[in-house]
Amino acid sequence: MTYREMENYIAHVSDNDLIALCKSVYEFKNGNGVLEPTSTLKILAENLQFPDVRVLEYAITEEAHERYGQIVLLLMKDAPAEYLK
């Protein structure tokens, strides 16, 4: 799968799927840096036959910024101490 095809796929996943992918990216980045075999991110990379997980991670976070940017700003303005630890 090309980068453009993968990006298009990510752009069309449901909100629930994107949130699950974001959780998986978070666990990957803030854990030990190893993808568990049952990780949503690892399963998606295998299903899309897209071996570069870092690029896939980037596409997922970019889509999340696009969809949820205003929600993040709202939460940060409402309770910044909750998120800046």
PDB file of N, CA and C in Angstrom:
ATOM      1  N   MET A   1       0.844  -1.168   0.000  1.00  0.00           N
ATOM      2  CA  MET A   1       0.000   0.000   0.000  1.00  0.00           C
ATOM      3  C   MET A   1       0.893   1.236   0.000  1.00  0.00           C
ATOM      4  N   THR A   2       0.532   2.219  -0.799  1.00  0.00           N
ATOM      5  CA  THR A   2       1.311   3.453  -0.846  1.00  0.00           C
ATOM      6  C   THR A   2       0.958   4.340   0.342  1.00  0.00           C
ATOM      7  N   TYR A   3       1.788   5.343   0.573  1.00  0.00           N
ATOM      8  CA  TYR A   3       1.527   6.274   1.664  1.00  0.00           C
ATOM      9  C   TYR A   3       0.190   6.974   1.453  1.00  0.00           C
ATOM     10  N   ARG A   4      -0.080   7.391   0.238  1.00  0.00           N
ATOM     11  CA  ARG A   4      -1.319   8.113  -0.071  1.00  0.00           C
ATOM     12  C   ARG A   4      -2.545   7.231   0.184  1.00  0.00           C
ATOM     13  N   GLU A   5      -2.463   5.974  -0.180  1.00  0.00           N
ATOM     14  CA  GLU A   5      -3.569   5.038   0.061  1.00  0.00           C
ATOM     15  C   GLU A   5      -3.778   4.825   1.560  1.00  0.00           C
ATOM     16  N   MET A   6      -2.680   4.696   2.290  1.00  0.00           N
ATOM     17  CA  MET A   6      -2.776   4.507   3.734  1.00  0.00           C
ATOM     18  C   MET A   6      -3.369   5.747   4.391  1.00  0.00           C
ATOM     19  N   GLU A   7      -2.938   6.904   3.964  1.00  0.00           N
ATOM     20  CA  GLU A   7      -3.446   8.170   4.489  1.00  0.00           C
ATOM     21  C   GLU A   7      -4.948   8.307   4.217  1.00  0.00           C
ATOM     22  N   ASN A   8      -5.366   7.922   3.036  1.00  0.00           N
ATOM     23  CA  ASN A   8      -6.778   7.955   2.669  1.00  0.00           C
ATOM     24  C   ASN A   8      -7.577   6.977   3.531  1.00  0.00           C
ATOM     25  N   TYR A   9      -7.026   5.810   3.788  1.00  0.00           N
ATOM     26  CA  TYR A   9      -7.690   4.823   4.639  1.00  0.00           C
ATOM     27  C   TYR A   9      -7.896   5.396   6.041  1.00  0.00           C
ATOM     28  N   ILE A  10      -6.846   5.990   6.611  1.00  0.00           N
ATOM     29  CA  ILE A  10      -6.921   6.564   7.957  1.00  0.00           C
ATOM     30  C   ILE A  10      -7.945   7.697   7.993  1.00  0.00           C
ATOM     31  N   ALA A  11      -8.014   8.478   6.936  1.00  0.00           N
ATOM     32  CA  ALA A  11      -8.959   9.596   6.886  1.00  0.00           C
ATOM     33  C   ALA A  11     -10.409   9.126   6.920  1.00  0.00           C
ATOM     34  N   HIS A  12     -10.653   7.885   6.559  1.00  0.00           N
ATOM     35  CA  HIS A  12     -12.024   7.380   6.482  1.00  0.00           C
ATOM     36  C   HIS A  12     -12.395   6.383   7.578  1.00  0.00           C
ATOM     37  N   VAL A  13     -11.508   6.144   8.549  1.00  0.00           N
ATOM     38  CA  VAL A  13     -11.880   5.244   9.644  1.00  0.00           C
ATOM     39  C   VAL A  13     -12.881   5.955  10.550  1.00  0.00           C
ATOM     40  N   SER A  14     -13.663   5.182  11.252  1.00  0.00           N
ATOM     41  CA  SER A  14     -14.656   5.751  12.163  1.00  0.00           C
ATOM     42  C   SER A  14     -13.956   6.432  13.338  1.00  0.00           C
ATOM     43  N   ASP A  15     -14.688   7.285  14.034  1.00  0.00           N
ATOM     44  CA  ASP A  15     -14.133   7.931  15.215  1.00  0.00           C
ATOM     45  C   ASP A  15     -13.717   6.902  16.264  1.00  0.00           C
ATOM     46  N   ASN A  16     -14.540   5.882  16.454  1.00  0.00           N
ATOM     47  CA  ASN A  16     -14.196   4.840  17.438  1.00  0.00           C
ATOM     48  C   ASN A  16     -12.894   4.138  17.071  1.00  0.00           C
ATOM     49  N   ASP A  17     -12.724   3.840  15.787  1.00  0.00           N
ATOM     50  CA  ASP A  17     -11.485   3.180  15.349  1.00  0.00           C
ATOM     51  C   ASP A  17     -10.286   4.114  15.491  1.00  0.00           C
ATOM     52  N   LEU A  18     -10.479   5.393  15.161  1.00  0.00           N
ATOM     53  CA  LEU A  18      -9.373   6.338  15.283  1.00  0.00           C
ATOM     54  C   LEU A  18      -8.968   6.508  16.746  1.00  0.00           C
ATOM     55  N   ILE A  19      -9.935   6.547  17.643  1.00  0.00           N
ATOM     56  CA  ILE A  19      -9.624   6.655  19.070  1.00  0.00           C
ATOM     57  C   ILE A  19      -8.864   5.418  19.542  1.00  0.00           C
ATOM     58  N   ALA A  20      -9.278   4.242  19.091  1.00  0.00           N
ATOM     59  CA  ALA A  20      -8.561   3.007  19.455  1.00  0.00           C
ATOM     60  C   ALA A  20      -7.131   3.048  18.923  1.00  0.00           C
ATOM     61  N   LEU A  21      -6.950   3.552  17.715  1.00  0.00           N
ATOM     62  CA  LEU A  21      -5.610   3.666  17.139  1.00  0.00           C
ATOM     63  C   LEU A  21      -4.770   4.676  17.922  1.00  0.00           C
ATOM     64  N   CYS A  22      -5.382   5.781  18.322  1.00  0.00           N
ATOM     65  CA  CYS A  22      -4.657   6.781  19.122  1.00  0.00           C
ATOM     66  C   CYS A  22      -4.214   6.185  20.452  1.00  0.00           C
ATOM     67  N   LYS A  23      -5.065   5.408  21.082  1.00  0.00           N
ATOM     68  CA  LYS A  23      -4.687   4.747  22.338  1.00  0.00           C
ATOM     69  C   LYS A  23      -3.515   3.809  22.116  1.00  0.00           C
ATOM     70  N   SER A  24      -3.540   3.100  21.003  1.00  0.00           N
ATOM     71  CA  SER A  24      -2.454   2.178  20.681  1.00  0.00           C
ATOM     72  C   SER A  24      -1.150   2.936  20.436  1.00  0.00           C
ATOM     73  N   VAL A  25      -1.232   4.058  19.729  1.00  0.00           N
ATOM     74  CA  VAL A  25      -0.047   4.892  19.491  1.00  0.00           C
ATOM     75  C   VAL A  25       0.493   5.414  20.823  1.00  0.00           C
ATOM     76  N   TYR A  26      -0.397   5.860  21.694  1.00  0.00           N
ATOM     77  CA  TYR A  26       0.012   6.362  23.006  1.00  0.00           C
ATOM     78  C   TYR A  26       0.749   5.288  23.797  1.00  0.00           C
ATOM     79  N   GLU A  27       0.186   4.091  23.823  1.00  0.00           N
ATOM     80  CA  GLU A  27       0.820   2.984  24.556  1.00  0.00           C
ATOM     81  C   GLU A  27       2.184   2.649  23.957  1.00  0.00           C
ATOM     82  N   PHE A  28       2.290   2.712  22.637  1.00  0.00           N
ATOM     83  CA  PHE A  28       3.546   2.421  21.952  1.00  0.00           C
ATOM     84  C   PHE A  28       4.600   3.487  22.287  1.00  0.00           C
ATOM     85  N   LYS A  29       4.211   4.757  22.214  1.00  0.00           N
ATOM     86  CA  LYS A  29       5.157   5.849  22.436  1.00  0.00           C
ATOM     87  C   LYS A  29       5.530   6.004  23.903  1.00  0.00           C
ATOM     88  N   ASN A  30       4.613   5.739  24.799  1.00  0.00           N
ATOM     89  CA  ASN A  30       4.864   5.963  26.219  1.00  0.00           C
ATOM     90  C   ASN A  30       5.115   4.679  26.993  1.00  0.00           C
ATOM     91  N   GLY A  31       5.136   3.574  26.293  1.00  0.00           N
ATOM     92  CA  GLY A  31       5.447   2.291  26.928  1.00  0.00           C
ATOM     93  C   GLY A  31       6.911   1.981  26.722  1.00  0.00           C
ATOM     94  N   ASN A  32       7.171   0.749  26.399  1.00  0.00           N
ATOM     95  CA  ASN A  32       8.570   0.345  26.211  1.00  0.00           C
ATOM     96  C   ASN A  32       9.010   0.400  24.742  1.00  0.00           C
ATOM     97  N   GLY A  33       8.159   0.936  23.874  1.00  0.00           N
ATOM     98  CA  GLY A  33       8.515   1.081  22.466  1.00  0.00           C
ATOM     99  C   GLY A  33       8.378  -0.185  21.648  1.00  0.00           C
ATOM    100  N   VAL A  34       7.749  -1.192  22.243  1.00  0.00           N
ATOM    101  CA  VAL A  34       7.544  -2.462  21.550  1.00  0.00           C
ATOM    102  C   VAL A  34       6.044  -2.649  21.323  1.00  0.00           C
ATOM    103  N   LEU A  35       5.692  -2.986  20.101  1.00  0.00           N
ATOM    104  CA  LEU A  35       4.282  -3.235  19.790  1.00  0.00           C
ATOM    105  C   LEU A  35       3.901  -4.647  20.213  1.00  0.00           C
ATOM    106  N   GLU A  36       2.886  -4.732  21.013  1.00  0.00           N
ATOM    107  CA  GLU A  36       2.361  -6.038  21.407  1.00  0.00           C
ATOM    108  C   GLU A  36       1.707  -6.686  20.189  1.00  0.00           C
ATOM    109  N   PRO A  37       1.704  -8.010  20.097  1.00  0.00           N
ATOM    110  CA  PRO A  37       1.081  -8.695  18.951  1.00  0.00           C
ATOM    111  C   PRO A  37      -0.407  -8.372  18.791  1.00  0.00           C
ATOM    112  N   THR A  38      -1.065  -8.033  19.901  1.00  0.00           N
ATOM    113  CA  THR A  38      -2.498  -7.724  19.848  1.00  0.00           C
ATOM    114  C   THR A  38      -2.769  -6.226  19.728  1.00  0.00           C
ATOM    115  N   SER A  39      -1.725  -5.423  19.572  1.00  0.00           N
ATOM    116  CA  SER A  39      -1.864  -3.977  19.446  1.00  0.00           C
ATOM    117  C   SER A  39      -2.668  -3.612  18.198  1.00  0.00           C
ATOM    118  N   THR A  40      -3.593  -2.685  18.369  1.00  0.00           N
ATOM    119  CA  THR A  40      -4.398  -2.214  17.240  1.00  0.00           C
ATOM    120  C   THR A  40      -3.503  -1.649  16.141  1.00  0.00           C
ATOM    121  N   LEU A  41      -2.461  -0.940  16.532  1.00  0.00           N
ATOM    122  CA  LEU A  41      -1.525  -0.357  15.579  1.00  0.00           C
ATOM    123  C   LEU A  41      -0.795  -1.446  14.788  1.00  0.00           C
ATOM    124  N   LYS A  42      -0.340  -2.479  15.477  1.00  0.00           N
ATOM    125  CA  LYS A  42       0.372  -3.580  14.802  1.00  0.00           C
ATOM    126  C   LYS A  42      -0.560  -4.333  13.848  1.00  0.00           C
ATOM    127  N   ILE A  43      -1.774  -4.591  14.298  1.00  0.00           N
ATOM    128  CA  ILE A  43      -2.745  -5.303  13.464  1.00  0.00           C
ATOM    129  C   ILE A  43      -3.068  -4.488  12.215  1.00  0.00           C
ATOM    130  N   LEU A  44      -3.247  -3.171  12.377  1.00  0.00           N
ATOM    131  CA  LEU A  44      -3.535  -2.321  11.212  1.00  0.00           C
ATOM    132  C   LEU A  44      -2.356  -2.326  10.243  1.00  0.00           C
ATOM    133  N   ALA A  45      -1.144  -2.197  10.761  1.00  0.00           N
ATOM    134  CA  ALA A  45       0.043  -2.203   9.897  1.00  0.00           C
ATOM    135  C   ALA A  45       0.122  -3.502   9.094  1.00  0.00           C
ATOM    136  N   GLU A  46      -0.189  -4.609   9.734  1.00  0.00           N
ATOM    137  CA  GLU A  46      -0.171  -5.903   9.043  1.00  0.00           C
ATOM    138  C   GLU A  46      -1.293  -5.993   8.012  1.00  0.00           C
ATOM    139  N   ASN A  47      -2.490  -5.560   8.396  1.00  0.00           N
ATOM    140  CA  ASN A  47      -3.630  -5.629   7.474  1.00  0.00           C
ATOM    141  C   ASN A  47      -3.436  -4.741   6.248  1.00  0.00           C
ATOM    142  N   LEU A  48      -2.831  -3.581   6.454  1.00  0.00           N
ATOM    143  CA  LEU A  48      -2.594  -2.666   5.333  1.00  0.00           C
ATOM    144  C   LEU A  48      -1.316  -3.013   4.576  1.00  0.00           C
ATOM    145  N   GLN A  49      -0.572  -3.972   5.101  1.00  0.00           N
ATOM    146  CA  GLN A  49       0.737  -4.321   4.544  1.00  0.00           C
ATOM    147  C   GLN A  49       1.613  -3.076   4.431  1.00  0.00           C
ATOM    148  N   PHE A  50       1.619  -2.323   5.530  1.00  0.00           N
ATOM    149  CA  PHE A  50       2.397  -1.087   5.625  1.00  0.00           C
ATOM    150  C   PHE A  50       3.385  -1.265   6.775  1.00  0.00           C
ATOM    151  N   PRO A  51       4.610  -1.673   6.484  1.00  0.00           N
ATOM    152  CA  PRO A  51       5.559  -2.084   7.517  1.00  0.00           C
ATOM    153  C   PRO A  51       6.136  -0.946   8.370  1.00  0.00           C
ATOM    154  N   ASP A  52       6.094   0.299   7.885  1.00  0.00           N
ATOM    155  CA  ASP A  52       6.699   1.402   8.624  1.00  0.00           C
ATOM    156  C   ASP A  52       5.701   1.958   9.638  1.00  0.00           C
ATOM    157  N   VAL A  53       5.763   1.426  10.851  1.00  0.00           N
ATOM    158  CA  VAL A  53       4.800   1.782  11.893  1.00  0.00           C
ATOM    159  C   VAL A  53       4.934   3.253  12.281  1.00  0.00           C
ATOM    160  N   ARG A  54       6.127   3.803  12.239  1.00  0.00           N
ATOM    161  CA  ARG A  54       6.327   5.224  12.591  1.00  0.00           C
ATOM    162  C   ARG A  54       5.589   6.140  11.617  1.00  0.00           C
ATOM    163  N   VAL A  55       5.590   5.805  10.359  1.00  0.00           N
ATOM    164  CA  VAL A  55       4.868   6.603   9.368  1.00  0.00           C
ATOM    165  C   VAL A  55       3.367   6.446   9.575  1.00  0.00           C
ATOM    166  N   LEU A  56       2.934   5.248   9.868  1.00  0.00           N
ATOM    167  CA  LEU A  56       1.525   4.986  10.163  1.00  0.00           C
ATOM    168  C   LEU A  56       1.104   5.765  11.416  1.00  0.00           C
ATOM    169  N   GLU A  57       1.951   5.758  12.421  1.00  0.00           N
ATOM    170  CA  GLU A  57       1.713   6.508  13.651  1.00  0.00           C
ATOM    171  C   GLU A  57       1.531   8.001  13.343  1.00  0.00           C
ATOM    172  N   TYR A  58       2.385   8.537  12.485  1.00  0.00           N
ATOM    173  CA  TYR A  58       2.310   9.943  12.098  1.00  0.00           C
ATOM    174  C   TYR A  58       0.973  10.246  11.420  1.00  0.00           C
ATOM    175  N   ALA A  59       0.541   9.395  10.494  1.00  0.00           N
ATOM    176  CA  ALA A  59      -0.717   9.607   9.781  1.00  0.00           C
ATOM    177  C   ALA A  59      -1.902   9.567  10.748  1.00  0.00           C
ATOM    178  N   ILE A  60      -1.843   8.680  11.722  1.00  0.00           N
ATOM    179  CA  ILE A  60      -2.916   8.566  12.716  1.00  0.00           C
ATOM    180  C   ILE A  60      -2.989   9.836  13.562  1.00  0.00           C
ATOM    181  N   THR A  61      -1.853  10.314  14.044  1.00  0.00           N
ATOM    182  CA  THR A  61      -1.874  11.513  14.885  1.00  0.00           C
ATOM    183  C   THR A  61      -2.262  12.747  14.082  1.00  0.00           C
ATOM    184  N   GLU A  62      -1.854  12.826  12.827  1.00  0.00           N
ATOM    185  CA  GLU A  62      -2.265  13.961  11.993  1.00  0.00           C
ATOM    186  C   GLU A  62      -3.778  13.981  11.796  1.00  0.00           C
ATOM    187  N   GLU A  63      -4.370  12.822  11.562  1.00  0.00           N
ATOM    188  CA  GLU A  63      -5.827  12.741  11.406  1.00  0.00           C
ATOM    189  C   GLU A  63      -6.521  13.112  12.715  1.00  0.00           C
ATOM    190  N   ALA A  64      -5.961  12.668  13.836  1.00  0.00           N
ATOM    191  CA  ALA A  64      -6.541  13.014  15.140  1.00  0.00           C
ATOM    192  C   ALA A  64      -6.465  14.518  15.394  1.00  0.00           C
ATOM    193  N   HIS A  65      -5.352  15.154  15.018  1.00  0.00           N
ATOM    194  CA  HIS A  65      -5.235  16.612  15.147  1.00  0.00           C
ATOM    195  C   HIS A  65      -6.332  17.299  14.342  1.00  0.00           C
ATOM    196  N   GLU A  66      -6.534  16.806  13.148  1.00  0.00           N
ATOM    197  CA  GLU A  66      -7.535  17.411  12.264  1.00  0.00           C
ATOM    198  C   GLU A  66      -8.946  17.263  12.835  1.00  0.00           C
ATOM    199  N   ARG A  67      -9.270  16.077  13.324  1.00  0.00           N
ATOM    200  CA  ARG A  67     -10.624  15.821  13.822  1.00  0.00           C
ATOM    201  C   ARG A  67     -10.878  16.377  15.216  1.00  0.00           C
ATOM    202  N   TYR A  68      -9.894  16.280  16.084  1.00  0.00           N
ATOM    203  CA  TYR A  68     -10.132  16.547  17.508  1.00  0.00           C
ATOM    204  C   TYR A  68      -9.382  17.748  18.059  1.00  0.00           C
ATOM    205  N   GLY A  69      -8.770  18.536  17.214  1.00  0.00           N
ATOM    206  CA  GLY A  69      -7.985  19.685  17.667  1.00  0.00           C
ATOM    207  C   GLY A  69      -8.766  20.640  18.556  1.00  0.00           C
ATOM    208  N   GLN A  70      -9.995  20.945  18.185  1.00  0.00           N
ATOM    209  CA  GLN A  70     -10.800  21.870  18.979  1.00  0.00           C
ATOM    210  C   GLN A  70     -11.175  21.265  20.336  1.00  0.00           C
ATOM    211  N   ILE A  71     -11.396  19.973  20.371  1.00  0.00           N
ATOM    212  CA  ILE A  71     -11.723  19.310  21.640  1.00  0.00           C
ATOM    213  C   ILE A  71     -10.530  19.379  22.586  1.00  0.00           C
ATOM    214  N   VAL A  72      -9.346  19.167  22.056  1.00  0.00           N
ATOM    215  CA  VAL A  72      -8.139  19.238  22.878  1.00  0.00           C
ATOM    216  C   VAL A  72      -7.977  20.646  23.443  1.00  0.00           C
ATOM    217  N   LEU A  73      -8.182  21.657  22.608  1.00  0.00           N
ATOM    218  CA  LEU A  73      -8.072  23.036  23.087  1.00  0.00           C
ATOM    219  C   LEU A  73      -9.090  23.324  24.182  1.00  0.00           C
ATOM    220  N   LEU A  74     -10.302  22.858  24.002  1.00  0.00           N
ATOM    221  CA  LEU A  74     -11.342  23.044  25.012  1.00  0.00           C
ATOM    222  C   LEU A  74     -10.927  22.424  26.346  1.00  0.00           C
ATOM    223  N   LEU A  75     -10.452  21.182  26.303  1.00  0.00           N
ATOM    224  CA  LEU A  75     -10.041  20.492  27.522  1.00  0.00           C
ATOM    225  C   LEU A  75      -8.846  21.183  28.181  1.00  0.00           C
ATOM    226  N   MET A  76      -7.885  21.591  27.371  1.00  0.00           N
ATOM    227  CA  MET A  76      -6.701  22.256  27.912  1.00  0.00           C
ATOM    228  C   MET A  76      -7.056  23.583  28.555  1.00  0.00           C
ATOM    229  N   LYS A  77      -7.947  24.349  27.940  1.00  0.00           N
ATOM    230  CA  LYS A  77      -8.353  25.629  28.512  1.00  0.00           C
ATOM    231  C   LYS A  77      -9.168  25.438  29.784  1.00  0.00           C
ATOM    232  N   ASP A  78      -9.950  24.398  29.824  1.00  0.00           N
ATOM    233  CA  ASP A  78     -10.807  24.144  30.982  1.00  0.00           C
ATOM    234  C   ASP A  78     -10.011  23.665  32.190  1.00  0.00           C
ATOM    235  N   ALA A  79      -9.064  22.793  31.997  1.00  0.00           N
ATOM    236  CA  ALA A  79      -8.307  22.224  33.119  1.00  0.00           C
ATOM    237  C   ALA A  79      -6.876  21.893  32.701  1.00  0.00           C
ATOM    238  N   PRO A  80      -6.037  22.909  32.476  1.00  0.00           N
ATOM    239  CA  PRO A  80      -4.675  22.639  31.992  1.00  0.00           C
ATOM    240  C   PRO A  80      -3.843  21.794  32.942  1.00  0.00           C
ATOM    241  N   ALA A  81      -4.036  21.955  34.229  1.00  0.00           N
ATOM    242  CA  ALA A  81      -3.243  21.174  35.195  1.00  0.00           C
ATOM    243  C   ALA A  81      -3.534  19.677  35.090  1.00  0.00           C
ATOM    244  N   GLU A  82      -4.696  19.349  34.590  1.00  0.00           N
ATOM    245  CA  GLU A  82      -5.075  17.942  34.427  1.00  0.00           C
ATOM    246  C   GLU A  82      -4.208  17.252  33.369  1.00  0.00           C
ATOM    247  N   TYR A  83      -3.719  18.022  32.403  1.00  0.00           N
ATOM    248  CA  TYR A  83      -2.984  17.444  31.272  1.00  0.00           C
ATOM    249  C   TYR A  83      -1.492  17.772  31.279  1.00  0.00           C
ATOM    250  N   LEU A  84      -1.100  18.821  31.981  1.00  0.00           N
ATOM    251  CA  LEU A  84       0.305  19.208  32.024  1.00  0.00           C
ATOM    252  C   LEU A  84       0.931  18.755  33.326  1.00  0.00           C
ATOM    253  N   LYS A  85       1.262  17.493  33.359  1.00  0.00           N
ATOM    254  CA  LYS A  85       1.832  16.913  34.587  1.00  0.00           C
ATOM    255  C   LYS A  85       3.292  16.608  34.408  1.00  0.00           C
TER     256      LYS A  85
END
